[in-house]
């Protein structure tokens, strides 16, 4: 996987370059208001695609949040995205002001990746979990535990980006993808995991410990 440590995610420039170009042309023709609008839009896009460094906790059994945002709910589930049996699922909502780079909750092997086309309901709705466009990564830890991470597109988000491939080894807190402009992340963990967050809590990708494997 290419290095993803640059302070701005490279995908940002697909949007920024046209915005800057339009701003420049508008300024040349003295359309000041138009120029300022597109320049401000370019600055917002650069800020949205920010990619800050994070201090990853070194707790062996600790799981870190894969996303910045707010815990929506914690629930029980069964058989999803290649993960067999029962699990506990933590849902995280990201608004447009959150960092949208996603990080691995644990160190592990990417066992499989599954993409599901779908709709674009608001990501904070329960039906978004099953009906929206999504991409899942099934991770296997060194001791054989399986952790499922699901990227879910939202009302504004129209593109899920995954930077890793099946067979890749991820470190805990390592960047693996992003979702553009507001979305949802879900983490499915073994049922005996000790969850340390609650609905409504704010979490930071790669830094906030959300639970401990038994």
N, C-alpha and C. Protein backbone atom coordinates (compact mmCIF):
# COMPACT_ATOMS: atom_id res chain seq x y z
N UNK A 1 0.84 -1.20 0.00
CA UNK A 1 0.00 0.00 0.00
C UNK A 1 0.87 1.25 0.00
N UNK A 2 0.50 2.23 -0.78
CA UNK A 2 1.25 3.47 -0.83
C UNK A 2 1.19 4.18 0.52
N UNK A 3 2.23 4.98 0.78
CA UNK A 3 2.23 5.76 2.01
C UNK A 3 1.08 6.75 1.99
N UNK A 4 0.37 6.83 3.09
CA UNK A 4 -0.77 7.74 3.19
C UNK A 4 -0.57 8.71 4.34
N UNK A 5 0.66 9.15 4.53
CA UNK A 5 0.96 10.01 5.67
C UNK A 5 0.97 11.49 5.33
N UNK A 6 0.79 11.85 4.06
CA UNK A 6 0.77 13.27 3.68
C UNK A 6 -0.38 13.96 4.40
N UNK A 7 -0.19 15.21 4.87
CA UNK A 7 -1.22 15.89 5.67
C UNK A 7 -2.57 16.07 4.98
N UNK A 8 -2.58 16.04 3.64
CA UNK A 8 -3.82 16.11 2.88
C UNK A 8 -3.94 14.84 2.05
N UNK A 9 -5.08 14.18 2.11
CA UNK A 9 -5.29 12.96 1.31
C UNK A 9 -5.22 13.32 -0.18
N UNK A 10 -4.42 12.60 -0.98
CA UNK A 10 -4.25 12.95 -2.40
C UNK A 10 -5.55 13.05 -3.18
N UNK A 11 -6.58 12.28 -2.80
CA UNK A 11 -7.86 12.35 -3.51
C UNK A 11 -8.47 13.75 -3.49
N UNK A 12 -8.03 14.59 -2.55
CA UNK A 12 -8.58 15.94 -2.44
C UNK A 12 -8.34 16.76 -3.70
N UNK A 13 -7.21 16.53 -4.36
CA UNK A 13 -6.83 17.40 -5.45
C UNK A 13 -7.69 17.20 -6.70
N UNK A 14 -8.42 16.09 -6.76
CA UNK A 14 -9.39 15.90 -7.84
C UNK A 14 -10.46 16.98 -7.78
N UNK A 15 -10.79 17.43 -6.57
CA UNK A 15 -11.78 18.47 -6.37
C UNK A 15 -11.16 19.86 -6.31
N UNK A 16 -10.00 19.96 -5.69
CA UNK A 16 -9.39 21.26 -5.44
C UNK A 16 -8.92 21.94 -6.72
N UNK A 17 -8.28 21.21 -7.61
CA UNK A 17 -7.74 21.81 -8.83
C UNK A 17 -8.81 22.50 -9.66
N UNK A 18 -9.96 21.86 -9.95
CA UNK A 18 -11.01 22.56 -10.70
C UNK A 18 -11.55 23.79 -9.97
N UNK A 19 -11.69 23.70 -8.65
CA UNK A 19 -12.20 24.84 -7.88
C UNK A 19 -11.25 26.03 -7.95
N UNK A 20 -9.96 25.75 -7.80
CA UNK A 20 -8.96 26.82 -7.88
C UNK A 20 -8.92 27.42 -9.28
N UNK A 21 -9.04 26.58 -10.30
CA UNK A 21 -9.03 27.05 -11.68
C UNK A 21 -10.20 27.99 -11.95
N UNK A 22 -11.39 27.60 -11.50
CA UNK A 22 -12.57 28.45 -11.69
C UNK A 22 -12.41 29.76 -10.93
N UNK A 23 -11.88 29.67 -9.71
CA UNK A 23 -11.65 30.88 -8.91
C UNK A 23 -10.70 31.83 -9.62
N UNK A 24 -9.63 31.29 -10.20
CA UNK A 24 -8.64 32.10 -10.90
C UNK A 24 -9.24 32.77 -12.13
N UNK A 25 -10.01 32.01 -12.92
CA UNK A 25 -10.63 32.57 -14.12
C UNK A 25 -11.63 33.66 -13.76
N UNK A 26 -12.43 33.42 -12.71
CA UNK A 26 -13.40 34.42 -12.27
C UNK A 26 -12.70 35.70 -11.83
N UNK A 27 -11.56 35.56 -11.15
CA UNK A 27 -10.81 36.74 -10.72
C UNK A 27 -10.27 37.51 -11.91
N UNK A 28 -9.85 36.81 -12.94
CA UNK A 28 -9.32 37.47 -14.13
C UNK A 28 -10.37 38.34 -14.81
N UNK A 29 -11.63 37.92 -14.72
CA UNK A 29 -12.71 38.67 -15.34
C UNK A 29 -13.45 39.55 -14.33
N UNK A 30 -12.82 39.74 -13.17
CA UNK A 30 -13.33 40.64 -12.12
C UNK A 30 -14.65 40.20 -11.51
N UNK A 31 -14.95 38.92 -11.57
CA UNK A 31 -16.11 38.39 -10.86
C UNK A 31 -15.66 38.01 -9.44
N UNK A 32 -15.49 39.05 -8.62
CA UNK A 32 -14.87 38.86 -7.31
C UNK A 32 -15.65 37.91 -6.40
N UNK A 33 -16.97 38.08 -6.36
CA UNK A 33 -17.79 37.25 -5.48
C UNK A 33 -17.69 35.78 -5.88
N UNK A 34 -17.73 35.53 -7.19
CA UNK A 34 -17.61 34.16 -7.69
C UNK A 34 -16.24 33.58 -7.36
N UNK A 35 -15.21 34.40 -7.54
CA UNK A 35 -13.85 33.95 -7.26
C UNK A 35 -13.69 33.60 -5.79
N UNK A 36 -14.21 34.43 -4.91
CA UNK A 36 -14.10 34.18 -3.47
C UNK A 36 -14.86 32.92 -3.08
N UNK A 37 -16.04 32.73 -3.68
CA UNK A 37 -16.84 31.53 -3.37
C UNK A 37 -16.08 30.25 -3.70
N UNK A 38 -15.50 30.19 -4.90
CA UNK A 38 -14.80 28.96 -5.31
C UNK A 38 -13.48 28.79 -4.56
N UNK A 39 -12.84 29.89 -4.21
CA UNK A 39 -11.62 29.80 -3.41
C UNK A 39 -11.94 29.24 -2.02
N UNK A 40 -13.07 29.72 -1.44
CA UNK A 40 -13.49 29.23 -0.13
C UNK A 40 -13.85 27.74 -0.21
N UNK A 41 -14.49 27.34 -1.30
CA UNK A 41 -14.84 25.92 -1.49
C UNK A 41 -13.58 25.06 -1.57
N UNK A 42 -12.55 25.57 -2.25
CA UNK A 42 -11.29 24.83 -2.36
C UNK A 42 -10.63 24.67 -0.99
N UNK A 43 -10.68 25.72 -0.19
CA UNK A 43 -10.10 25.65 1.16
C UNK A 43 -10.86 24.64 2.02
N UNK A 44 -12.20 24.64 1.90
CA UNK A 44 -12.99 23.67 2.67
C UNK A 44 -12.64 22.24 2.28
N UNK A 45 -12.49 22.00 0.99
CA UNK A 45 -12.17 20.64 0.53
C UNK A 45 -10.81 20.20 1.07
N UNK A 46 -9.83 21.11 1.03
CA UNK A 46 -8.52 20.77 1.59
C UNK A 46 -8.63 20.43 3.07
N UNK A 47 -9.43 21.21 3.78
CA UNK A 47 -9.62 20.96 5.22
C UNK A 47 -10.35 19.65 5.46
N UNK A 48 -11.36 19.37 4.63
CA UNK A 48 -12.12 18.12 4.78
C UNK A 48 -11.23 16.90 4.61
N UNK A 49 -10.31 16.97 3.66
CA UNK A 49 -9.45 15.83 3.37
C UNK A 49 -8.15 15.84 4.20
N UNK A 50 -8.17 16.53 5.32
CA UNK A 50 -6.99 16.55 6.18
C UNK A 50 -6.69 15.15 6.71
N UNK A 51 -5.44 14.90 6.96
CA UNK A 51 -4.99 13.55 7.30
C UNK A 51 -3.99 13.62 8.45
N UNK A 52 -4.46 13.95 9.65
CA UNK A 52 -3.54 14.17 10.78
C UNK A 52 -2.91 12.89 11.29
N UNK A 53 -1.73 13.06 11.90
CA UNK A 53 -1.10 11.94 12.58
C UNK A 53 -1.84 11.66 13.88
N UNK A 54 -1.81 10.43 14.34
CA UNK A 54 -2.46 10.05 15.58
C UNK A 54 -1.51 9.20 16.42
N UNK A 55 -1.64 9.33 17.74
CA UNK A 55 -0.84 8.53 18.66
C UNK A 55 -1.62 7.26 18.99
N UNK A 56 -1.17 6.14 18.49
CA UNK A 56 -1.89 4.87 18.62
C UNK A 56 -1.57 4.22 19.97
N UNK A 57 -2.58 3.89 20.78
CA UNK A 57 -2.32 3.20 22.07
C UNK A 57 -1.63 1.85 21.81
N UNK A 58 -0.72 1.47 22.71
CA UNK A 58 0.01 0.22 22.51
C UNK A 58 -0.56 -0.95 23.31
N UNK A 59 -1.80 -0.82 23.79
CA UNK A 59 -2.43 -1.92 24.52
C UNK A 59 -2.65 -3.11 23.59
N UNK A 60 -2.16 -4.26 23.96
CA UNK A 60 -2.17 -5.43 23.08
C UNK A 60 -3.59 -5.84 22.69
N UNK A 61 -4.50 -5.89 23.64
CA UNK A 61 -5.86 -6.35 23.35
C UNK A 61 -6.84 -5.21 23.10
N UNK A 62 -6.37 -3.97 23.12
CA UNK A 62 -7.25 -2.84 22.91
C UNK A 62 -7.62 -2.65 21.44
N UNK A 63 -8.85 -2.28 21.19
CA UNK A 63 -9.34 -1.96 19.86
C UNK A 63 -9.54 -0.45 19.77
N UNK A 64 -9.02 0.18 18.73
CA UNK A 64 -9.18 1.62 18.59
C UNK A 64 -10.31 1.94 17.61
N UNK A 65 -10.86 3.13 17.75
CA UNK A 65 -11.92 3.56 16.85
C UNK A 65 -11.39 3.67 15.43
N UNK A 66 -12.14 3.17 14.44
CA UNK A 66 -11.70 3.29 13.05
C UNK A 66 -12.07 4.64 12.43
N UNK A 67 -12.80 5.48 13.19
CA UNK A 67 -13.28 6.74 12.61
C UNK A 67 -13.43 7.80 13.68
N UNK A 68 -13.30 9.05 13.26
CA UNK A 68 -13.68 10.18 14.11
C UNK A 68 -15.21 10.29 14.07
N UNK A 69 -15.82 10.68 15.16
CA UNK A 69 -17.27 10.87 15.12
C UNK A 69 -17.94 10.60 16.44
N UNK A 70 -19.20 10.20 16.36
CA UNK A 70 -20.05 9.99 17.53
C UNK A 70 -20.60 8.58 17.52
N UNK A 71 -20.55 7.90 18.66
CA UNK A 71 -21.11 6.56 18.77
C UNK A 71 -22.64 6.65 18.65
N UNK A 72 -23.18 6.00 17.63
CA UNK A 72 -24.64 5.99 17.43
C UNK A 72 -25.32 4.94 18.30
N UNK A 73 -24.81 3.71 18.23
CA UNK A 73 -25.45 2.63 18.97
C UNK A 73 -24.49 1.45 19.11
N UNK A 74 -24.81 0.59 20.07
CA UNK A 74 -24.08 -0.66 20.27
C UNK A 74 -25.13 -1.76 20.34
N UNK A 75 -25.00 -2.76 19.50
CA UNK A 75 -26.04 -3.78 19.40
C UNK A 75 -25.45 -5.14 19.14
N UNK A 76 -26.30 -6.15 19.22
CA UNK A 76 -25.92 -7.52 18.93
C UNK A 76 -26.28 -7.84 17.48
N UNK A 77 -25.50 -8.72 16.85
CA UNK A 77 -25.78 -9.13 15.48
C UNK A 77 -25.28 -10.53 15.22
N UNK A 78 -25.53 -11.01 14.00
CA UNK A 78 -25.12 -12.38 13.66
C UNK A 78 -24.92 -12.49 12.15
N UNK A 79 -23.83 -13.17 11.73
CA UNK A 79 -23.56 -13.52 10.34
C UNK A 79 -23.66 -12.31 9.40
N UNK A 80 -22.58 -11.58 9.26
CA UNK A 80 -22.57 -10.42 8.39
C UNK A 80 -21.21 -10.24 7.74
N UNK A 81 -21.21 -9.93 6.43
CA UNK A 81 -19.99 -9.59 5.72
C UNK A 81 -18.87 -10.61 5.80
N UNK A 82 -19.21 -11.89 5.84
CA UNK A 82 -18.19 -12.94 5.95
C UNK A 82 -17.85 -13.29 7.38
N UNK A 83 -18.41 -12.57 8.34
CA UNK A 83 -18.20 -12.86 9.76
C UNK A 83 -19.29 -13.80 10.24
N UNK A 84 -18.90 -15.00 10.65
CA UNK A 84 -19.88 -16.01 11.07
C UNK A 84 -20.13 -15.96 12.57
N UNK A 85 -21.36 -16.29 12.94
CA UNK A 85 -21.71 -16.34 14.35
C UNK A 85 -22.12 -14.99 14.90
N UNK A 86 -22.29 -14.95 16.21
CA UNK A 86 -22.77 -13.74 16.86
C UNK A 86 -21.62 -12.76 17.09
N UNK A 87 -21.98 -11.48 17.16
CA UNK A 87 -20.99 -10.44 17.40
C UNK A 87 -21.66 -9.24 18.05
N UNK A 88 -20.85 -8.30 18.52
CA UNK A 88 -21.34 -7.01 19.00
C UNK A 88 -20.91 -5.95 17.99
N UNK A 89 -21.83 -5.06 17.67
CA UNK A 89 -21.55 -4.06 16.64
C UNK A 89 -21.60 -2.65 17.22
N UNK A 90 -20.54 -1.88 16.93
CA UNK A 90 -20.45 -0.49 17.34
C UNK A 90 -20.59 0.38 16.09
N UNK A 91 -21.58 1.27 16.08
CA UNK A 91 -21.82 2.14 14.93
C UNK A 91 -21.36 3.55 15.24
N UNK A 92 -20.61 4.15 14.31
CA UNK A 92 -20.03 5.49 14.49
C UNK A 92 -20.49 6.38 13.34
N UNK A 93 -21.03 7.55 13.68
CA UNK A 93 -21.48 8.50 12.66
C UNK A 93 -20.45 9.61 12.49
N UNK A 94 -20.08 9.87 11.23
CA UNK A 94 -19.15 10.95 10.90
C UNK A 94 -19.91 12.05 10.18
N UNK A 95 -19.86 13.28 10.69
CA UNK A 95 -20.45 14.39 9.96
C UNK A 95 -19.39 15.03 9.07
N UNK A 96 -19.76 16.05 8.30
CA UNK A 96 -18.83 16.62 7.33
C UNK A 96 -17.66 17.36 7.98
N UNK A 97 -17.74 17.59 9.29
CA UNK A 97 -16.67 18.30 9.98
C UNK A 97 -15.63 17.36 10.58
N UNK A 98 -15.89 16.06 10.58
CA UNK A 98 -14.95 15.09 11.12
C UNK A 98 -13.86 14.75 10.10
N UNK A 99 -12.70 14.32 10.60
CA UNK A 99 -11.70 13.73 9.72
C UNK A 99 -12.29 12.44 9.15
N UNK A 100 -12.14 12.23 7.85
CA UNK A 100 -12.79 11.09 7.22
C UNK A 100 -11.85 9.96 6.81
N UNK A 101 -10.59 10.05 7.23
CA UNK A 101 -9.66 8.94 7.00
C UNK A 101 -9.98 7.84 7.99
N UNK A 102 -10.13 6.62 7.50
CA UNK A 102 -10.48 5.47 8.33
C UNK A 102 -9.23 4.67 8.70
N UNK A 103 -9.23 4.15 9.93
CA UNK A 103 -8.07 3.42 10.44
C UNK A 103 -8.48 2.04 10.97
N UNK A 104 -7.55 1.11 10.89
CA UNK A 104 -7.82 -0.25 11.35
C UNK A 104 -7.95 -0.29 12.88
N UNK A 105 -8.99 -0.94 13.41
CA UNK A 105 -9.17 -1.01 14.86
C UNK A 105 -8.15 -1.91 15.56
N UNK A 106 -7.49 -2.77 14.79
CA UNK A 106 -6.54 -3.72 15.37
C UNK A 106 -5.51 -4.09 14.32
N UNK A 107 -4.45 -4.76 14.77
CA UNK A 107 -3.49 -5.33 13.83
C UNK A 107 -4.07 -6.63 13.31
N UNK A 108 -3.92 -6.87 12.02
CA UNK A 108 -4.46 -8.11 11.48
C UNK A 108 -4.32 -8.23 9.99
N UNK A 109 -4.64 -9.40 9.49
CA UNK A 109 -4.62 -9.71 8.07
C UNK A 109 -5.98 -9.41 7.46
N UNK A 110 -5.99 -8.76 6.30
CA UNK A 110 -7.24 -8.50 5.59
C UNK A 110 -7.66 -9.80 4.90
N UNK A 111 -8.59 -10.51 5.52
CA UNK A 111 -9.01 -11.82 5.02
C UNK A 111 -9.85 -11.69 3.76
N UNK A 112 -10.81 -10.78 3.78
CA UNK A 112 -11.58 -10.51 2.56
C UNK A 112 -12.18 -9.12 2.59
N UNK A 113 -12.50 -8.64 1.40
CA UNK A 113 -13.12 -7.33 1.22
C UNK A 113 -14.35 -7.52 0.35
N UNK A 114 -15.47 -6.98 0.79
CA UNK A 114 -16.71 -7.10 0.03
C UNK A 114 -17.36 -5.74 -0.17
N UNK A 115 -17.69 -5.43 -1.41
CA UNK A 115 -18.37 -4.18 -1.74
C UNK A 115 -19.83 -4.47 -2.06
N UNK A 116 -20.73 -3.63 -1.52
CA UNK A 116 -22.17 -3.81 -1.74
C UNK A 116 -22.75 -2.49 -2.28
N UNK A 117 -23.25 -2.47 -3.51
CA UNK A 117 -23.90 -1.26 -4.01
C UNK A 117 -25.19 -1.02 -3.23
N UNK A 118 -25.63 0.21 -3.17
CA UNK A 118 -26.86 0.49 -2.42
C UNK A 118 -27.32 1.92 -2.55
N UNK A 119 -28.14 2.34 -1.61
CA UNK A 119 -28.73 3.67 -1.64
C UNK A 119 -27.90 4.65 -0.82
N UNK A 120 -28.43 5.86 -0.64
CA UNK A 120 -27.68 6.91 0.05
C UNK A 120 -28.57 7.61 1.08
N UNK A 121 -29.16 6.83 1.98
CA UNK A 121 -29.93 7.43 3.07
C UNK A 121 -28.96 8.11 4.04
N UNK A 122 -29.49 9.01 4.85
CA UNK A 122 -28.67 9.66 5.86
C UNK A 122 -28.02 8.58 6.73
N UNK A 123 -26.69 8.72 6.95
CA UNK A 123 -25.93 7.65 7.61
C UNK A 123 -26.30 7.45 9.08
N UNK A 124 -27.02 8.41 9.69
CA UNK A 124 -27.39 8.22 11.09
C UNK A 124 -28.69 7.45 11.26
N UNK A 125 -29.32 7.04 10.15
CA UNK A 125 -30.54 6.24 10.21
C UNK A 125 -30.19 4.75 10.29
N UNK A 126 -30.99 3.98 11.02
CA UNK A 126 -30.73 2.55 11.17
C UNK A 126 -30.72 1.83 9.82
N UNK A 127 -31.62 2.23 8.91
CA UNK A 127 -31.71 1.52 7.63
C UNK A 127 -30.48 1.71 6.75
N UNK A 128 -29.68 2.74 7.05
CA UNK A 128 -28.46 2.95 6.28
C UNK A 128 -27.50 1.79 6.43
N UNK A 129 -27.54 1.12 7.58
CA UNK A 129 -26.63 0.01 7.86
C UNK A 129 -26.80 -1.13 6.86
N UNK A 130 -28.03 -1.36 6.39
CA UNK A 130 -28.31 -2.48 5.49
C UNK A 130 -28.56 -2.05 4.05
N UNK A 131 -29.07 -0.82 3.85
CA UNK A 131 -29.53 -0.43 2.52
C UNK A 131 -28.58 0.49 1.76
N UNK A 132 -27.65 1.13 2.46
CA UNK A 132 -26.74 2.06 1.78
C UNK A 132 -25.56 1.34 1.13
N UNK A 133 -24.94 2.03 0.20
CA UNK A 133 -23.69 1.53 -0.37
C UNK A 133 -22.68 1.34 0.75
N UNK A 134 -21.93 0.22 0.72
CA UNK A 134 -21.00 -0.06 1.80
C UNK A 134 -19.87 -0.97 1.33
N UNK A 135 -18.82 -0.98 2.12
CA UNK A 135 -17.66 -1.80 1.84
C UNK A 135 -17.17 -2.39 3.16
N UNK A 136 -16.96 -3.70 3.20
CA UNK A 136 -16.57 -4.34 4.46
C UNK A 136 -15.19 -4.99 4.33
N UNK A 137 -14.43 -4.90 5.42
CA UNK A 137 -13.13 -5.56 5.53
C UNK A 137 -13.18 -6.52 6.70
N UNK A 138 -12.87 -7.79 6.45
CA UNK A 138 -12.80 -8.78 7.51
C UNK A 138 -11.33 -8.97 7.88
N UNK A 139 -11.01 -8.63 9.14
CA UNK A 139 -9.64 -8.73 9.62
C UNK A 139 -9.48 -9.93 10.54
N UNK A 140 -8.34 -10.60 10.43
CA UNK A 140 -8.02 -11.73 11.31
C UNK A 140 -6.78 -11.38 12.13
N UNK A 141 -6.89 -11.42 13.44
CA UNK A 141 -5.76 -11.10 14.30
C UNK A 141 -4.79 -12.29 14.37
N UNK A 142 -3.63 -12.06 14.97
CA UNK A 142 -2.63 -13.13 15.08
C UNK A 142 -3.13 -14.33 15.86
N UNK A 143 -4.04 -14.10 16.83
CA UNK A 143 -4.56 -15.22 17.62
C UNK A 143 -5.88 -15.76 17.07
N UNK A 144 -6.22 -15.39 15.82
CA UNK A 144 -7.37 -15.98 15.15
C UNK A 144 -8.70 -15.28 15.36
N UNK A 145 -8.72 -14.15 16.06
CA UNK A 145 -9.98 -13.40 16.23
C UNK A 145 -10.33 -12.71 14.93
N UNK A 146 -11.63 -12.59 14.68
CA UNK A 146 -12.09 -11.91 13.47
C UNK A 146 -12.84 -10.62 13.84
N UNK A 147 -12.46 -9.53 13.18
CA UNK A 147 -13.04 -8.21 13.38
C UNK A 147 -13.53 -7.72 12.02
N UNK A 148 -14.78 -7.29 11.95
CA UNK A 148 -15.34 -6.79 10.70
C UNK A 148 -15.50 -5.27 10.79
N UNK A 149 -14.98 -4.57 9.79
CA UNK A 149 -15.12 -3.12 9.71
C UNK A 149 -15.91 -2.79 8.45
N UNK A 150 -16.95 -1.98 8.59
CA UNK A 150 -17.83 -1.68 7.46
C UNK A 150 -17.87 -0.17 7.22
N UNK A 151 -17.47 0.24 6.02
CA UNK A 151 -17.58 1.63 5.59
C UNK A 151 -18.94 1.81 4.92
N UNK A 152 -19.71 2.79 5.35
CA UNK A 152 -21.06 2.99 4.82
C UNK A 152 -21.21 4.41 4.30
N UNK A 153 -21.61 4.54 3.04
CA UNK A 153 -21.84 5.86 2.46
C UNK A 153 -23.10 6.48 3.06
N UNK A 154 -23.18 7.81 3.04
CA UNK A 154 -24.33 8.49 3.62
C UNK A 154 -25.08 9.32 2.61
N UNK A 155 -25.85 10.28 3.10
CA UNK A 155 -26.69 11.13 2.25
C UNK A 155 -25.85 11.98 1.32
N UNK A 156 -24.73 12.51 1.84
CA UNK A 156 -23.86 13.37 1.04
C UNK A 156 -22.69 12.57 0.47
N UNK A 157 -22.20 11.60 1.24
CA UNK A 157 -21.08 10.78 0.77
C UNK A 157 -21.50 9.95 -0.43
N UNK A 158 -20.72 10.03 -1.51
CA UNK A 158 -21.06 9.29 -2.72
C UNK A 158 -19.90 8.44 -3.20
N UNK A 159 -18.90 8.28 -2.37
CA UNK A 159 -17.75 7.49 -2.79
C UNK A 159 -17.03 6.90 -1.59
N UNK A 160 -16.94 5.59 -1.56
CA UNK A 160 -16.15 4.89 -0.56
C UNK A 160 -14.80 4.56 -1.18
N UNK A 161 -13.73 4.87 -0.48
CA UNK A 161 -12.39 4.60 -0.97
C UNK A 161 -11.71 3.61 -0.02
N UNK A 162 -11.19 2.54 -0.58
CA UNK A 162 -10.46 1.54 0.21
C UNK A 162 -9.07 1.40 -0.40
N UNK A 163 -8.03 1.61 0.41
CA UNK A 163 -6.66 1.62 -0.09
C UNK A 163 -5.97 0.27 0.01
N UNK A 164 -6.58 -0.70 0.65
CA UNK A 164 -5.90 -1.98 0.86
C UNK A 164 -6.53 -3.08 0.02
N UNK A 165 -5.82 -4.20 -0.07
CA UNK A 165 -6.31 -5.35 -0.82
C UNK A 165 -6.33 -6.56 0.09
N UNK A 166 -7.04 -7.60 -0.34
CA UNK A 166 -7.07 -8.84 0.42
C UNK A 166 -5.65 -9.39 0.54
N UNK A 167 -5.32 -9.88 1.73
CA UNK A 167 -3.99 -10.41 1.98
C UNK A 167 -3.03 -9.41 2.58
N UNK A 168 -3.46 -8.15 2.66
CA UNK A 168 -2.59 -7.12 3.25
C UNK A 168 -2.57 -7.27 4.77
N UNK A 169 -1.47 -6.90 5.36
CA UNK A 169 -1.35 -6.87 6.82
C UNK A 169 -1.45 -5.43 7.30
N UNK A 170 -2.37 -5.17 8.22
CA UNK A 170 -2.56 -3.83 8.75
C UNK A 170 -2.08 -3.76 10.20
N UNK A 171 -1.47 -2.66 10.55
CA UNK A 171 -1.14 -2.41 11.93
C UNK A 171 -2.31 -1.73 12.62
N UNK A 172 -2.37 -1.81 13.94
CA UNK A 172 -3.45 -1.13 14.65
C UNK A 172 -3.34 0.37 14.41
N UNK A 173 -4.46 0.97 14.03
CA UNK A 173 -4.48 2.39 13.77
C UNK A 173 -3.99 2.79 12.39
N UNK A 174 -3.60 1.82 11.57
CA UNK A 174 -3.11 2.13 10.23
C UNK A 174 -4.26 2.59 9.33
N UNK A 175 -4.00 3.56 8.49
CA UNK A 175 -5.01 4.08 7.57
C UNK A 175 -5.35 3.03 6.51
N UNK A 176 -6.64 2.85 6.23
CA UNK A 176 -7.01 1.89 5.19
C UNK A 176 -7.99 2.45 4.16
N UNK A 177 -8.52 3.65 4.37
CA UNK A 177 -9.45 4.20 3.39
C UNK A 177 -10.12 5.45 3.90
N UNK A 178 -11.13 5.90 3.16
CA UNK A 178 -11.91 7.07 3.57
C UNK A 178 -13.27 7.03 2.89
N UNK A 179 -14.17 7.87 3.38
CA UNK A 179 -15.48 8.04 2.75
C UNK A 179 -15.68 9.54 2.56
N UNK A 180 -16.08 9.93 1.39
CA UNK A 180 -16.18 11.35 1.07
C UNK A 180 -17.46 12.00 1.60
N UNK A 181 -17.30 13.01 2.41
CA UNK A 181 -18.36 13.95 2.79
C UNK A 181 -19.50 13.38 3.62
N UNK A 182 -19.20 12.85 4.79
CA UNK A 182 -20.24 12.44 5.74
C UNK A 182 -20.67 11.00 5.58
N UNK A 183 -20.61 10.21 6.63
CA UNK A 183 -20.85 8.78 6.46
C UNK A 183 -20.90 8.05 7.80
N UNK A 184 -20.70 6.72 7.76
CA UNK A 184 -20.86 5.88 8.94
C UNK A 184 -19.85 4.73 8.89
N UNK A 185 -19.31 4.38 10.04
CA UNK A 185 -18.43 3.22 10.19
C UNK A 185 -19.03 2.29 11.22
N UNK A 186 -18.95 0.99 10.96
CA UNK A 186 -19.40 0.00 11.93
C UNK A 186 -18.29 -0.99 12.19
N UNK A 187 -18.16 -1.41 13.45
CA UNK A 187 -17.15 -2.38 13.83
C UNK A 187 -17.87 -3.55 14.50
N UNK A 188 -17.67 -4.74 13.98
CA UNK A 188 -18.27 -5.94 14.57
C UNK A 188 -17.15 -6.73 15.26
N UNK A 189 -17.33 -6.97 16.56
CA UNK A 189 -16.29 -7.58 17.38
C UNK A 189 -16.84 -8.84 18.05
N UNK A 190 -15.96 -9.73 18.54
CA UNK A 190 -16.43 -10.95 19.23
C UNK A 190 -17.37 -10.60 20.37
N UNK A 191 -18.36 -11.46 20.65
CA UNK A 191 -19.38 -11.16 21.65
C UNK A 191 -18.85 -11.00 23.07
N UNK A 192 -17.64 -11.54 23.35
CA UNK A 192 -17.09 -11.41 24.69
C UNK A 192 -16.16 -10.20 24.84
N UNK A 193 -16.15 -9.33 23.84
CA UNK A 193 -15.33 -8.12 23.90
C UNK A 193 -15.89 -7.16 24.96
N UNK A 194 -15.01 -6.56 25.73
CA UNK A 194 -15.41 -5.55 26.70
C UNK A 194 -15.50 -4.20 26.00
N UNK A 195 -16.71 -3.70 25.81
CA UNK A 195 -16.91 -2.42 25.14
C UNK A 195 -16.72 -1.29 26.15
N UNK A 196 -15.93 -0.29 25.78
CA UNK A 196 -15.61 0.79 26.72
C UNK A 196 -16.18 2.15 26.30
N UNK A 197 -17.05 2.15 25.27
CA UNK A 197 -17.70 3.38 24.86
C UNK A 197 -19.21 3.20 24.96
N UNK A 198 -19.93 4.31 24.92
CA UNK A 198 -21.39 4.29 25.02
C UNK A 198 -21.99 5.19 23.94
N UNK A 199 -23.26 4.96 23.56
CA UNK A 199 -23.91 5.85 22.60
C UNK A 199 -23.81 7.31 23.02
N UNK A 200 -23.46 8.15 22.07
CA UNK A 200 -23.30 9.57 22.35
C UNK A 200 -21.86 10.00 22.56
N UNK A 201 -20.97 9.03 22.86
CA UNK A 201 -19.56 9.36 23.08
C UNK A 201 -18.91 9.84 21.79
N UNK A 202 -17.97 10.78 21.92
CA UNK A 202 -17.16 11.23 20.79
C UNK A 202 -15.88 10.41 20.76
N UNK A 203 -15.49 9.95 19.57
CA UNK A 203 -14.30 9.12 19.45
C UNK A 203 -13.37 9.68 18.37
N UNK A 204 -12.10 9.33 18.50
CA UNK A 204 -11.08 9.79 17.56
C UNK A 204 -10.41 8.58 16.93
N UNK A 205 -10.36 8.55 15.61
CA UNK A 205 -9.79 7.41 14.89
C UNK A 205 -8.34 7.17 15.29
N UNK A 206 -8.02 5.92 15.63
CA UNK A 206 -6.67 5.55 15.95
C UNK A 206 -6.23 5.86 17.36
N UNK A 207 -7.00 6.67 18.10
CA UNK A 207 -6.60 7.07 19.44
C UNK A 207 -7.54 6.59 20.53
N UNK A 208 -8.85 6.67 20.28
CA UNK A 208 -9.83 6.29 21.31
C UNK A 208 -9.97 4.76 21.36
N UNK A 209 -9.74 4.19 22.54
CA UNK A 209 -9.95 2.75 22.72
C UNK A 209 -11.45 2.50 22.88
N UNK A 210 -12.02 1.66 22.02
CA UNK A 210 -13.45 1.40 22.06
C UNK A 210 -13.78 0.06 22.73
N UNK A 211 -12.78 -0.77 22.99
CA UNK A 211 -13.02 -2.04 23.63
C UNK A 211 -11.75 -2.86 23.78
N UNK A 212 -11.89 -3.97 24.49
CA UNK A 212 -10.77 -4.88 24.74
C UNK A 212 -11.18 -6.30 24.39
N UNK A 213 -10.39 -6.97 23.60
CA UNK A 213 -10.62 -8.38 23.34
C UNK A 213 -10.35 -9.18 24.62
N UNK A 214 -11.08 -10.28 24.80
CA UNK A 214 -10.91 -11.07 26.03
C UNK A 214 -9.60 -11.85 26.00
